[in-house]
Amino acid sequence: MQYMLLIYDNEAAAGETSAEEMQKWFEVTQAMQDAGVMRGGEALHPTTTATTVRVQNGETVTTDGPFAETREQLGGYYIVDVPDLDAAITWAARLPSADRGPVEVRPVMVFDEG
């Protein structure tokens, strides 16, 4: 089963990522690859680069920034293919930012084409 690990952090408080923390991210990414569970993942640019799109009365309306004001912002994600939720939680807990911000674990819906 595939799960998305959505990584949240407070952009304002996080500041620049140290070389030491980046090494931890590289290590957990490599561990996922070595275990054969990683299906994808990327870091996201800051929310200041986001554009939110809505269609209102048939017209496309865009606004700068994320869709909601929150203390934590979505900073990146992994998609893992693991046997169950417990395994996904184990990987989420290994992420370097899990001790300062939440990691949301959600099952990925798979649609049959056909």
PDB file of N, CA and C in Angstrom:
ATOM      1  N   MET A   1       0.847  -1.175   0.000  1.00  0.00           N
ATOM      2  CA  MET A   1       0.000   0.000   0.000  1.00  0.00           C
ATOM      3  C   MET A   1       0.891   1.236   0.000  1.00  0.00           C
ATOM      4  N   GLN A   2       0.465   2.246  -0.736  1.00  0.00           N
ATOM      5  CA  GLN A   2       1.247   3.478  -0.785  1.00  0.00           C
ATOM      6  C   GLN A   2       0.688   4.511   0.183  1.00  0.00           C
ATOM      7  N   TYR A   3       1.618   5.220   0.823  1.00  0.00           N
ATOM      8  CA  TYR A   3       1.273   6.302   1.742  1.00  0.00           C
ATOM      9  C   TYR A   3       2.089   7.524   1.371  1.00  0.00           C
ATOM     10  N   MET A   4       1.487   8.700   1.546  1.00  0.00           N
ATOM     11  CA  MET A   4       2.209   9.940   1.371  1.00  0.00           C
ATOM     12  C   MET A   4       2.541  10.472   2.754  1.00  0.00           C
ATOM     13  N   LEU A   5       3.800  10.807   2.947  1.00  0.00           N
ATOM     14  CA  LEU A   5       4.260  11.419   4.184  1.00  0.00           C
ATOM     15  C   LEU A   5       4.405  12.909   3.903  1.00  0.00           C
ATOM     16  N   LEU A   6       3.485  13.706   4.419  1.00  0.00           N
ATOM     17  CA  LEU A   6       3.470  15.147   4.179  1.00  0.00           C
ATOM     18  C   LEU A   6       4.208  15.828   5.328  1.00  0.00           C
ATOM     19  N   ILE A   7       5.267  16.539   5.005  1.00  0.00           N
ATOM     20  CA  ILE A   7       6.173  17.097   5.999  1.00  0.00           C
ATOM     21  C   ILE A   7       5.853  18.571   6.213  1.00  0.00           C
ATOM     22  N   TYR A   8       5.476  18.913   7.445  1.00  0.00           N
ATOM     23  CA  TYR A   8       5.142  20.291   7.791  1.00  0.00           C
ATOM     24  C   TYR A   8       6.190  20.864   8.729  1.00  0.00           C
ATOM     25  N   ASP A   9       6.440  22.155   8.588  1.00  0.00           N
ATOM     26  CA  ASP A   9       7.378  22.845   9.461  1.00  0.00           C
ATOM     27  C   ASP A   9       7.004  24.318   9.469  1.00  0.00           C
ATOM     28  N   ASN A  10       7.500  25.038  10.436  1.00  0.00           N
ATOM     29  CA  ASN A  10       7.281  26.475  10.507  1.00  0.00           C
ATOM     30  C   ASN A  10       8.397  27.143   9.719  1.00  0.00           C
ATOM     31  N   GLU A  11       8.069  27.655   8.532  1.00  0.00           N
ATOM     32  CA  GLU A  11       9.089  28.255   7.670  1.00  0.00           C
ATOM     33  C   GLU A  11       9.818  29.401   8.356  1.00  0.00           C
ATOM     34  N   ALA A  12       9.078  30.229   9.065  1.00  0.00           N
ATOM     35  CA  ALA A  12       9.682  31.398   9.707  1.00  0.00           C
ATOM     36  C   ALA A  12      10.681  30.986  10.780  1.00  0.00           C
ATOM     37  N   ALA A  13      10.378  29.945  11.513  1.00  0.00           N
ATOM     38  CA  ALA A  13      11.251  29.501  12.604  1.00  0.00           C
ATOM     39  C   ALA A  13      12.361  28.582  12.107  1.00  0.00           C
ATOM     40  N   ALA A  14      12.149  27.913  10.980  1.00  0.00           N
ATOM     41  CA  ALA A  14      13.105  26.909  10.521  1.00  0.00           C
ATOM     42  C   ALA A  14      14.423  27.525  10.052  1.00  0.00           C
ATOM     43  N   GLY A  15      14.365  28.634   9.337  1.00  0.00           N
ATOM     44  CA  GLY A  15      15.585  29.246   8.831  1.00  0.00           C
ATOM     45  C   GLY A  15      16.289  28.359   7.827  1.00  0.00           C
ATOM     46  N   GLU A  16      17.579  28.577   7.656  1.00  0.00           N
ATOM     47  CA  GLU A  16      18.388  27.787   6.725  1.00  0.00           C
ATOM     48  C   GLU A  16      18.623  26.393   7.296  1.00  0.00           C
ATOM     49  N   THR A  17      18.597  25.400   6.436  1.00  0.00           N
ATOM     50  CA  THR A  17      18.874  24.029   6.848  1.00  0.00           C
ATOM     51  C   THR A  17      20.383  23.842   6.933  1.00  0.00           C
ATOM     52  N   SER A  18      20.843  23.376   8.081  1.00  0.00           N
ATOM     53  CA  SER A  18      22.277  23.179   8.285  1.00  0.00           C
ATOM     54  C   SER A  18      22.765  21.990   7.467  1.00  0.00           C
ATOM     55  N   ALA A  19      24.065  21.954   7.243  1.00  0.00           N
ATOM     56  CA  ALA A  19      24.669  20.821   6.536  1.00  0.00           C
ATOM     57  C   ALA A  19      24.435  19.535   7.319  1.00  0.00           C
ATOM     58  N   GLU A  20      24.469  19.630   8.644  1.00  0.00           N
ATOM     59  CA  GLU A  20      24.237  18.453   9.493  1.00  0.00           C
ATOM     60  C   GLU A  20      22.822  17.908   9.304  1.00  0.00           C
ATOM     61  N   GLU A  21      21.813  18.806   9.271  1.00  0.00           N
ATOM     62  CA  GLU A  21      20.443  18.346   9.071  1.00  0.00           C
ATOM     63  C   GLU A  21      20.248  17.807   7.656  1.00  0.00           C
ATOM     64  N   MET A  22      20.835  18.469   6.658  1.00  0.00           N
ATOM     65  CA  MET A  22      20.717  17.966   5.286  1.00  0.00           C
ATOM     66  C   MET A  22      21.276  16.547   5.190  1.00  0.00           C
ATOM     67  N   GLN A  23      22.369  16.289   5.894  1.00  0.00           N
ATOM     68  CA  GLN A  23      22.937  14.944   5.891  1.00  0.00           C
ATOM     69  C   GLN A  23      21.938  13.939   6.446  1.00  0.00           C
ATOM     70  N   LYS A  24      21.194  14.326   7.496  1.00  0.00           N
ATOM     71  CA  LYS A  24      20.167  13.434   8.060  1.00  0.00           C
ATOM     72  C   LYS A  24      19.074  13.149   7.028  1.00  0.00           C
ATOM     73  N   TRP A  25      18.671  14.189   6.266  1.00  0.00           N
ATOM     74  CA  TRP A  25      17.668  13.990   5.214  1.00  0.00           C
ATOM     75  C   TRP A  25      18.194  13.038   4.142  1.00  0.00           C
ATOM     76  N   PHE A  26      19.456  13.232   3.732  1.00  0.00           N
ATOM     77  CA  PHE A  26      20.052  12.344   2.724  1.00  0.00           C
ATOM     78  C   PHE A  26      20.089  10.905   3.239  1.00  0.00           C
ATOM     79  N   GLU A  27      20.411  10.739   4.523  1.00  0.00           N
ATOM     80  CA  GLU A  27      20.506   9.397   5.098  1.00  0.00           C
ATOM     81  C   GLU A  27      19.155   8.688   5.143  1.00  0.00           C
ATOM     82  N   VAL A  28      18.101   9.395   5.575  1.00  0.00           N
ATOM     83  CA  VAL A  28      16.790   8.733   5.641  1.00  0.00           C
ATOM     84  C   VAL A  28      16.264   8.453   4.233  1.00  0.00           C
ATOM     85  N   THR A  29      16.538   9.346   3.298  1.00  0.00           N
ATOM     86  CA  THR A  29      16.144   9.103   1.903  1.00  0.00           C
ATOM     87  C   THR A  29      16.861   7.867   1.372  1.00  0.00           C
ATOM     88  N   GLN A  30      18.152   7.764   1.642  1.00  0.00           N
ATOM     89  CA  GLN A  30      18.914   6.600   1.190  1.00  0.00           C
ATOM     90  C   GLN A  30      18.399   5.323   1.855  1.00  0.00           C
ATOM     91  N   ALA A  31      18.032   5.408   3.138  1.00  0.00           N
ATOM     92  CA  ALA A  31      17.495   4.239   3.841  1.00  0.00           C
ATOM     93  C   ALA A  31      16.192   3.771   3.196  1.00  0.00           C
ATOM     94  N   MET A  32      15.332   4.724   2.808  1.00  0.00           N
ATOM     95  CA  MET A  32      14.086   4.366   2.122  1.00  0.00           C
ATOM     96  C   MET A  32      14.382   3.702   0.779  1.00  0.00           C
ATOM     97  N   GLN A  33      15.339   4.260   0.043  1.00  0.00           N
ATOM     98  CA  GLN A  33      15.708   3.679  -1.249  1.00  0.00           C
ATOM     99  C   GLN A  33      16.291   2.282  -1.063  1.00  0.00           C
ATOM    100  N   ASP A  34      17.167   2.132  -0.084  1.00  0.00           N
ATOM    101  CA  ASP A  34      17.787   0.826   0.168  1.00  0.00           C
ATOM    102  C   ASP A  34      16.747  -0.214   0.582  1.00  0.00           C
ATOM    103  N   ALA A  35      15.720   0.226   1.322  1.00  0.00           N
ATOM    104  CA  ALA A  35      14.659  -0.689   1.764  1.00  0.00           C
ATOM    105  C   ALA A  35      13.659  -0.978   0.648  1.00  0.00           C
ATOM    106  N   GLY A  36      13.764  -0.245  -0.466  1.00  0.00           N
ATOM    107  CA  GLY A  36      12.868  -0.463  -1.598  1.00  0.00           C
ATOM    108  C   GLY A  36      11.462   0.064  -1.393  1.00  0.00           C
ATOM    109  N   VAL A  37      11.290   1.015  -0.458  1.00  0.00           N
ATOM    110  CA  VAL A  37       9.940   1.516  -0.186  1.00  0.00           C
ATOM    111  C   VAL A  37       9.672   2.885  -0.806  1.00  0.00           C
ATOM    112  N   MET A  38      10.701   3.608  -1.195  1.00  0.00           N
ATOM    113  CA  MET A  38      10.501   4.971  -1.693  1.00  0.00           C
ATOM    114  C   MET A  38      10.003   4.952  -3.128  1.00  0.00           C
ATOM    115  N   ARG A  39       8.886   5.637  -3.367  1.00  0.00           N
ATOM    116  CA  ARG A  39       8.317   5.753  -4.708  1.00  0.00           C
ATOM    117  C   ARG A  39       8.444   7.173  -5.247  1.00  0.00           C
ATOM    118  N   GLY A  40       8.753   8.123  -4.395  1.00  0.00           N
ATOM    119  CA  GLY A  40       8.929   9.500  -4.827  1.00  0.00           C
ATOM    120  C   GLY A  40       9.065  10.406  -3.626  1.00  0.00           C
ATOM    121  N   GLY A  41       9.458  11.624  -3.886  1.00  0.00           N
ATOM    122  CA  GLY A  41       9.559  12.601  -2.821  1.00  0.00           C
ATOM    123  C   GLY A  41      10.361  13.798  -3.272  1.00  0.00           C
ATOM    124  N   GLU A  42       9.984  14.935  -2.776  1.00  0.00           N
ATOM    125  CA  GLU A  42      10.682  16.175  -3.098  1.00  0.00           C
ATOM    126  C   GLU A  42      10.450  17.197  -1.998  1.00  0.00           C
ATOM    127  N   ALA A  43      11.378  18.127  -1.896  1.00  0.00           N
ATOM    128  CA  ALA A  43      11.184  19.308  -1.059  1.00  0.00           C
ATOM    129  C   ALA A  43      10.433  20.339  -1.898  1.00  0.00           C
ATOM    130  N   LEU A  44       9.728  21.226  -1.233  1.00  0.00           N
ATOM    131  CA  LEU A  44       8.981  22.279  -1.923  1.00  0.00           C
ATOM    132  C   LEU A  44       9.623  23.635  -1.645  1.00  0.00           C
ATOM    133  N   HIS A  45       9.515  24.524  -2.606  1.00  0.00           N
ATOM    134  CA  HIS A  45       9.958  25.899  -2.382  1.00  0.00           C
ATOM    135  C   HIS A  45       9.066  26.524  -1.314  1.00  0.00           C
ATOM    136  N   PRO A  46       9.498  27.634  -0.691  1.00  0.00           N
ATOM    137  CA  PRO A  46       8.693  28.272   0.368  1.00  0.00           C
ATOM    138  C   PRO A  46       7.302  28.679  -0.118  1.00  0.00           C
ATOM    139  N   THR A  47       6.400  28.838   0.827  1.00  0.00           N
ATOM    140  CA  THR A  47       5.015  29.194   0.495  1.00  0.00           C
ATOM    141  C   THR A  47       4.909  30.538  -0.204  1.00  0.00           C
ATOM    142  N   THR A  48       5.923  31.387  -0.071  1.00  0.00           N
ATOM    143  CA  THR A  48       5.889  32.677  -0.771  1.00  0.00           C
ATOM    144  C   THR A  48       5.904  32.502  -2.276  1.00  0.00           C
ATOM    145  N   THR A  49       6.282  31.310  -2.759  1.00  0.00           N
ATOM    146  CA  THR A  49       6.300  31.051  -4.200  1.00  0.00           C
ATOM    147  C   THR A  49       5.019  30.385  -4.685  1.00  0.00           C
ATOM    148  N   ALA A  50       4.109  30.073  -3.760  1.00  0.00           N
ATOM    149  CA  ALA A  50       2.890  29.338  -4.107  1.00  0.00           C
ATOM    150  C   ALA A  50       1.859  30.242  -4.772  1.00  0.00           C
ATOM    151  N   THR A  51       1.045  29.642  -5.616  1.00  0.00           N
ATOM    152  CA  THR A  51      -0.122  30.297  -6.204  1.00  0.00           C
ATOM    153  C   THR A  51      -1.313  29.379  -5.974  1.00  0.00           C
ATOM    154  N   THR A  52      -2.388  29.937  -5.441  1.00  0.00           N
ATOM    155  CA  THR A  52      -3.600  29.167  -5.200  1.00  0.00           C
ATOM    156  C   THR A  52      -4.596  29.469  -6.314  1.00  0.00           C
ATOM    157  N   VAL A  53      -5.194  28.422  -6.868  1.00  0.00           N
ATOM    158  CA  VAL A  53      -6.124  28.552  -7.989  1.00  0.00           C
ATOM    159  C   VAL A  53      -7.509  28.107  -7.546  1.00  0.00           C
ATOM    160  N   ARG A  54      -8.510  28.923  -7.839  1.00  0.00           N
ATOM    161  CA  ARG A  54      -9.911  28.579  -7.598  1.00  0.00           C
ATOM    162  C   ARG A  54     -10.699  28.965  -8.846  1.00  0.00           C
ATOM    163  N   VAL A  55     -11.785  28.264  -9.078  1.00  0.00           N
ATOM    164  CA  VAL A  55     -12.708  28.653 -10.139  1.00  0.00           C
ATOM    165  C   VAL A  55     -13.984  29.109  -9.464  1.00  0.00           C
ATOM    166  N   GLN A  56     -14.333  30.376  -9.695  1.00  0.00           N
ATOM    167  CA  GLN A  56     -15.523  30.969  -9.090  1.00  0.00           C
ATOM    168  C   GLN A  56     -16.404  31.521 -10.203  1.00  0.00           C
ATOM    169  N   ASN A  57     -17.646  31.016 -10.266  1.00  0.00           N
ATOM    170  CA  ASN A  57     -18.581  31.437 -11.300  1.00  0.00           C
ATOM    171  C   ASN A  57     -17.982  31.277 -12.697  1.00  0.00           C
ATOM    172  N   GLY A  58     -17.254  30.178 -12.894  1.00  0.00           N
ATOM    173  CA  GLY A  58     -16.679  29.889 -14.201  1.00  0.00           C
ATOM    174  C   GLY A  58     -15.418  30.653 -14.522  1.00  0.00           C
ATOM    175  N   GLU A  59     -14.930  31.479 -13.603  1.00  0.00           N
ATOM    176  CA  GLU A  59     -13.736  32.286 -13.850  1.00  0.00           C
ATOM    177  C   GLU A  59     -12.592  31.786 -12.970  1.00  0.00           C
ATOM    178  N   THR A  60     -11.403  31.664 -13.559  1.00  0.00           N
ATOM    179  CA  THR A  60     -10.227  31.248 -12.808  1.00  0.00           C
ATOM    180  C   THR A  60      -9.689  32.430 -12.027  1.00  0.00           C
ATOM    181  N   VAL A  61      -9.556  32.236 -10.727  1.00  0.00           N
ATOM    182  CA  VAL A  61      -9.054  33.278  -9.834  1.00  0.00           C
ATOM    183  C   VAL A  61      -7.789  32.746  -9.164  1.00  0.00           C
ATOM    184  N   THR A  62      -6.718  33.510  -9.219  1.00  0.00           N
ATOM    185  CA  THR A  62      -5.473  33.099  -8.575  1.00  0.00           C
ATOM    186  C   THR A  62      -5.112  34.092  -7.473  1.00  0.00           C
ATOM    187  N   THR A  63      -4.495  33.557  -6.431  1.00  0.00           N
ATOM    188  CA  THR A  63      -3.981  34.405  -5.355  1.00  0.00           C
ATOM    189  C   THR A  63      -2.571  33.922  -5.022  1.00  0.00           C
ATOM    190  N   ASP A  64      -1.743  34.839  -4.604  1.00  0.00           N
ATOM    191  CA  ASP A  64      -0.390  34.480  -4.205  1.00  0.00           C
ATOM    192  C   ASP A  64      -0.422  33.809  -2.845  1.00  0.00           C
ATOM    193  N   GLY A  65       0.434  32.830  -2.684  1.00  0.00           N
ATOM    194  CA  GLY A  65       0.587  32.198  -1.388  1.00  0.00           C
ATOM    195  C   GLY A  65      -0.252  30.946  -1.237  1.00  0.00           C
ATOM    196  N   PRO A  66      -0.130  30.338  -0.055  1.00  0.00           N
ATOM    197  CA  PRO A  66      -0.861  29.095   0.212  1.00  0.00           C
ATOM    198  C   PRO A  66      -2.340  29.368   0.437  1.00  0.00           C
ATOM    199  N   PHE A  67      -3.109  28.293   0.457  1.00  0.00           N
ATOM    200  CA  PHE A  67      -4.555  28.423   0.573  1.00  0.00           C
ATOM    201  C   PHE A  67      -5.023  28.789   1.959  1.00  0.00           C
ATOM    202  N   ALA A  68      -4.182  28.646   2.968  1.00  0.00           N
ATOM    203  CA  ALA A  68      -4.610  28.919   4.336  1.00  0.00           C
ATOM    204  C   ALA A  68      -3.444  29.449   5.159  1.00  0.00           C
ATOM    205  N   GLU A  69      -3.764  30.258   6.141  1.00  0.00           N
ATOM    206  CA  GLU A  69      -2.769  30.749   7.088  1.00  0.00           C
ATOM    207  C   GLU A  69      -2.657  29.731   8.210  1.00  0.00           C
ATOM    208  N   THR A  70      -1.476  29.170   8.394  1.00  0.00           N
ATOM    209  CA  THR A  70      -1.268  28.183   9.453  1.00  0.00           C
ATOM    210  C   THR A  70       0.101  28.403  10.083  1.00  0.00           C
ATOM    211  N   ARG A  71       0.312  27.788  11.245  1.00  0.00           N
ATOM    212  CA  ARG A  71       1.620  27.881  11.895  1.00  0.00           C
ATOM    213  C   ARG A  71       2.661  27.048  11.153  1.00  0.00           C
ATOM    214  N   GLU A  72       2.239  25.924  10.605  1.00  0.00           N
ATOM    215  CA  GLU A  72       3.156  25.053   9.884  1.00  0.00           C
ATOM    216  C   GLU A  72       2.772  25.011   8.412  1.00  0.00           C
ATOM    217  N   GLN A  73       3.789  24.938   7.573  1.00  0.00           N
ATOM    218  CA  GLN A  73       3.566  24.913   6.137  1.00  0.00           C
ATOM    219  C   GLN A  73       4.096  23.596   5.566  1.00  0.00           C
ATOM    220  N   LEU A  74       3.454  23.150   4.498  1.00  0.00           N
ATOM    221  CA  LEU A  74       3.896  21.950   3.808  1.00  0.00           C
ATOM    222  C   LEU A  74       5.232  22.247   3.143  1.00  0.00           C
ATOM    223  N   GLY A  75       6.250  21.479   3.515  1.00  0.00           N
ATOM    224  CA  GLY A  75       7.586  21.735   3.003  1.00  0.00           C
ATOM    225  C   GLY A  75       8.105  20.668   2.066  1.00  0.00           C
ATOM    226  N   GLY A  76       7.450  19.512   2.045  1.00  0.00           N
ATOM    227  CA  GLY A  76       7.904  18.443   1.178  1.00  0.00           C
ATOM    228  C   GLY A  76       7.119  17.177   1.443  1.00  0.00           C
ATOM    229  N   TYR A  77       7.479  16.129   0.735  1.00  0.00           N
ATOM    230  CA  TYR A  77       6.724  14.883   0.864  1.00  0.00           C
ATOM    231  C   TYR A  77       7.572  13.706   0.416  1.00  0.00           C
ATOM    232  N   TYR A  78       7.182  12.554   0.874  1.00  0.00           N
ATOM    233  CA  TYR A  78       7.675  11.282   0.362  1.00  0.00           C
ATOM    234  C   TYR A  78       6.460  10.435   0.035  1.00  0.00           C
ATOM    235  N   ILE A  79       6.584   9.584  -0.956  1.00  0.00           N
ATOM    236  CA  ILE A  79       5.595   8.535  -1.200  1.00  0.00           C
ATOM    237  C   ILE A  79       6.317   7.220  -0.961  1.00  0.00           C
ATOM    238  N   VAL A  80       5.769   6.435  -0.039  1.00  0.00           N
ATOM    239  CA  VAL A  80       6.381   5.155   0.296  1.00  0.00           C
ATOM    240  C   VAL A  80       5.394   4.035   0.018  1.00  0.00           C
ATOM    241  N   ASP A  81       5.917   2.902  -0.377  1.00  0.00           N
ATOM    242  CA  ASP A  81       5.111   1.711  -0.626  1.00  0.00           C
ATOM    243  C   ASP A  81       5.493   0.698   0.443  1.00  0.00           C
ATOM    244  N   VAL A  82       4.630   0.558   1.431  1.00  0.00           N
ATOM    245  CA  VAL A  82       4.909  -0.275   2.600  1.00  0.00           C
ATOM    246  C   VAL A  82       3.708  -1.171   2.886  1.00  0.00           C
ATOM    247  N   PRO A  83       3.877  -2.206   3.722  1.00  0.00           N
ATOM    248  CA  PRO A  83       2.786  -3.152   3.952  1.00  0.00           C
ATOM    249  C   PRO A  83       1.565  -2.565   4.651  1.00  0.00           C
ATOM    250  N   ASP A  84       1.781  -1.572   5.537  1.00  0.00           N
ATOM    251  CA  ASP A  84       0.646  -1.087   6.328  1.00  0.00           C
ATOM    252  C   ASP A  84       0.947   0.271   6.950  1.00  0.00           C
ATOM    253  N   LEU A  85      -0.060   0.817   7.630  1.00  0.00           N
ATOM    254  CA  LEU A  85       0.058   2.128   8.263  1.00  0.00           C
ATOM    255  C   LEU A  85       1.178   2.149   9.291  1.00  0.00           C
ATOM    256  N   ASP A  86       1.329   1.088  10.060  1.00  0.00           N
ATOM    257  CA  ASP A  86       2.383   1.059  11.072  1.00  0.00           C
ATOM    258  C   ASP A  86       3.763   1.248  10.446  1.00  0.00           C
ATOM    259  N   ALA A  87       3.998   0.634   9.310  1.00  0.00           N
ATOM    260  CA  ALA A  87       5.283   0.787   8.618  1.00  0.00           C
ATOM    261  C   ALA A  87       5.461   2.223   8.125  1.00  0.00           C
ATOM    262  N   ALA A  88       4.385   2.825   7.615  1.00  0.00           N
ATOM    263  CA  ALA A  88       4.450   4.219   7.150  1.00  0.00           C
ATOM    264  C   ALA A  88       4.759   5.152   8.325  1.00  0.00           C
ATOM    265  N   ILE A  89       4.146   4.901   9.468  1.00  0.00           N
ATOM    266  CA  ILE A  89       4.393   5.709  10.664  1.00  0.00           C
ATOM    267  C   ILE A  89       5.846   5.572  11.109  1.00  0.00           C
ATOM    268  N   THR A  90       6.390   4.380  11.017  1.00  0.00           N
ATOM    269  CA  THR A  90       7.786   4.162  11.390  1.00  0.00           C
ATOM    270  C   THR A  90       8.709   5.023  10.543  1.00  0.00           C
ATOM    271  N   TRP A  91       8.462   5.070   9.219  1.00  0.00           N
ATOM    272  CA  TRP A  91       9.270   5.919   8.342  1.00  0.00           C
ATOM    273  C   TRP A  91       9.050   7.396   8.652  1.00  0.00           C
ATOM    274  N   ALA A  92       7.812   7.791   8.884  1.00  0.00           N
ATOM    275  CA  ALA A  92       7.520   9.201   9.199  1.00  0.00           C
ATOM    276  C   ALA A  92       8.271   9.642  10.445  1.00  0.00           C
ATOM    277  N   ALA A  93       8.342   8.789  11.435  1.00  0.00           N
ATOM    278  CA  ALA A  93       9.016   9.128  12.690  1.00  0.00           C
ATOM    279  C   ALA A  93      10.526   9.275  12.506  1.00  0.00           C
ATOM    280  N   ARG A  94      11.076   8.702  11.460  1.00  0.00           N
ATOM    281  CA  ARG A  94      12.519   8.797  11.200  1.00  0.00           C
ATOM    282  C   ARG A  94      12.907  10.102  10.517  1.00  0.00           C
ATOM    283  N   LEU A  95      11.937  10.858  10.023  1.00  0.00           N
ATOM    284  CA  LEU A  95      12.252  12.097   9.310  1.00  0.00           C
ATOM    285  C   LEU A  95      12.847  13.118  10.286  1.00  0.00           C
ATOM    286  N   PRO A  96      13.909  13.821   9.878  1.00  0.00           N
ATOM    287  CA  PRO A  96      14.606  14.727  10.788  1.00  0.00           C
ATOM    288  C   PRO A  96      13.751  15.841  11.386  1.00  0.00           C
ATOM    289  N   SER A  97      12.705  16.273  10.705  1.00  0.00           N
ATOM    290  CA  SER A  97      11.886  17.372  11.223  1.00  0.00           C
ATOM    291  C   SER A  97      10.730  16.897  12.095  1.00  0.00           C
ATOM    292  N   ALA A  98      10.561  15.590  12.261  1.00  0.00           N
ATOM    293  CA  ALA A  98       9.406  15.062  13.000  1.00  0.00           C
ATOM    294  C   ALA A  98       9.418  15.481  14.463  1.00  0.00           C
ATOM    295  N   ASP A  99      10.566  15.885  14.984  1.00  0.00           N
ATOM    296  CA  ASP A  99      10.609  16.315  16.380  1.00  0.00           C
ATOM    297  C   ASP A  99      10.228  17.776  16.572  1.00  0.00           C
ATOM    298  N   ARG A 100       9.998  18.516  15.468  1.00  0.00           N
ATOM    299  CA  ARG A 100       9.605  19.928  15.613  1.00  0.00           C
ATOM    300  C   ARG A 100       8.345  20.297  14.845  1.00  0.00           C
ATOM    301  N   GLY A 101       7.899  19.415  13.950  1.00  0.00           N
ATOM    302  CA  GLY A 101       6.695  19.695  13.177  1.00  0.00           C
ATOM    303  C   GLY A 101       6.026  18.391  12.791  1.00  0.00           C
ATOM    304  N   PRO A 102       4.735  18.445  12.482  1.00  0.00           N
ATOM    305  CA  PRO A 102       4.008  17.213  12.188  1.00  0.00           C
ATOM    306  C   PRO A 102       4.362  16.620  10.830  1.00  0.00           C
ATOM    307  N   VAL A 103       4.212  15.313  10.748  1.00  0.00           N
ATOM    308  CA  VAL A 103       4.287  14.594   9.485  1.00  0.00           C
ATOM    309  C   VAL A 103       2.947  13.893   9.339  1.00  0.00           C
ATOM    310  N   GLU A 104       2.175  14.307   8.353  1.00  0.00           N
ATOM    311  CA  GLU A 104       0.865  13.708   8.110  1.00  0.00           C
ATOM    312  C   GLU A 104       1.049  12.480   7.225  1.00  0.00           C
ATOM    313  N   VAL A 105       0.482  11.362   7.642  1.00  0.00           N
ATOM    314  CA  VAL A 105       0.575  10.108   6.888  1.00  0.00           C
ATOM    315  C   VAL A 105      -0.805   9.820   6.312  1.00  0.00           C
ATOM    316  N   ARG A 106      -0.880   9.759   4.971  1.00  0.00           N
ATOM    317  CA  ARG A 106      -2.174   9.516   4.323  1.00  0.00           C
ATOM    318  C   ARG A 106      -2.037   8.457   3.248  1.00  0.00           C
ATOM    319  N   PRO A 107      -2.998   7.529   3.206  1.00  0.00           N
ATOM    320  CA  PRO A 107      -2.980   6.527   2.142  1.00  0.00           C
ATOM    321  C   PRO A 107      -3.220   7.201   0.784  1.00  0.00           C
ATOM    322  N   VAL A 108      -2.561   6.669  -0.221  1.00  0.00           N
ATOM    323  CA  VAL A 108      -2.729   7.158  -1.592  1.00  0.00           C
ATOM    324  C   VAL A 108      -3.841   6.347  -2.244  1.00  0.00           C
ATOM    325  N   MET A 109      -4.788   7.024  -2.842  1.00  0.00           N
ATOM    326  CA  MET A 109      -5.872   6.343  -3.567  1.00  0.00           C
ATOM    327  C   MET A 109      -5.368   5.904  -4.919  1.00  0.00           C
ATOM    328  N   VAL A 110      -5.640   4.679  -5.264  1.00  0.00           N
ATOM    329  CA  VAL A 110      -5.259   4.155  -6.571  1.00  0.00           C
ATOM    330  C   VAL A 110      -6.554   3.882  -7.333  1.00  0.00           C
ATOM    331  N   PHE A 111      -6.683   4.503  -8.513  1.00  0.00           N
ATOM    332  CA  PHE A 111      -7.868   4.335  -9.339  1.00  0.00           C
ATOM    333  C   PHE A 111      -7.550   3.364 -10.467  1.00  0.00           C
ATOM    334  N   ASP A 112      -8.448   2.441 -10.691  1.00  0.00           N
ATOM    335  CA  ASP A 112      -8.299   1.510 -11.816  1.00  0.00           C
ATOM    336  C   ASP A 112      -8.663   2.236 -13.094  1.00  0.00           C
ATOM    337  N   GLU A 113      -7.801   2.108 -14.083  1.00  0.00           N
ATOM    338  CA  GLU A 113      -8.114   2.672 -15.392  1.00  0.00           C
ATOM    339  C   GLU A 113      -8.740   1.570 -16.220  1.00  0.00           C
ATOM    340  N   GLY A 114      -9.943   1.782 -16.599  1.00  0.00           N
ATOM    341  CA  GLY A 114     -10.412   0.722 -17.404  1.00  0.00           C
ATOM    342  C   GLY A 114     -11.826   0.603 -17.583  1.00  0.00           C
TER     343      GLY A 114
END
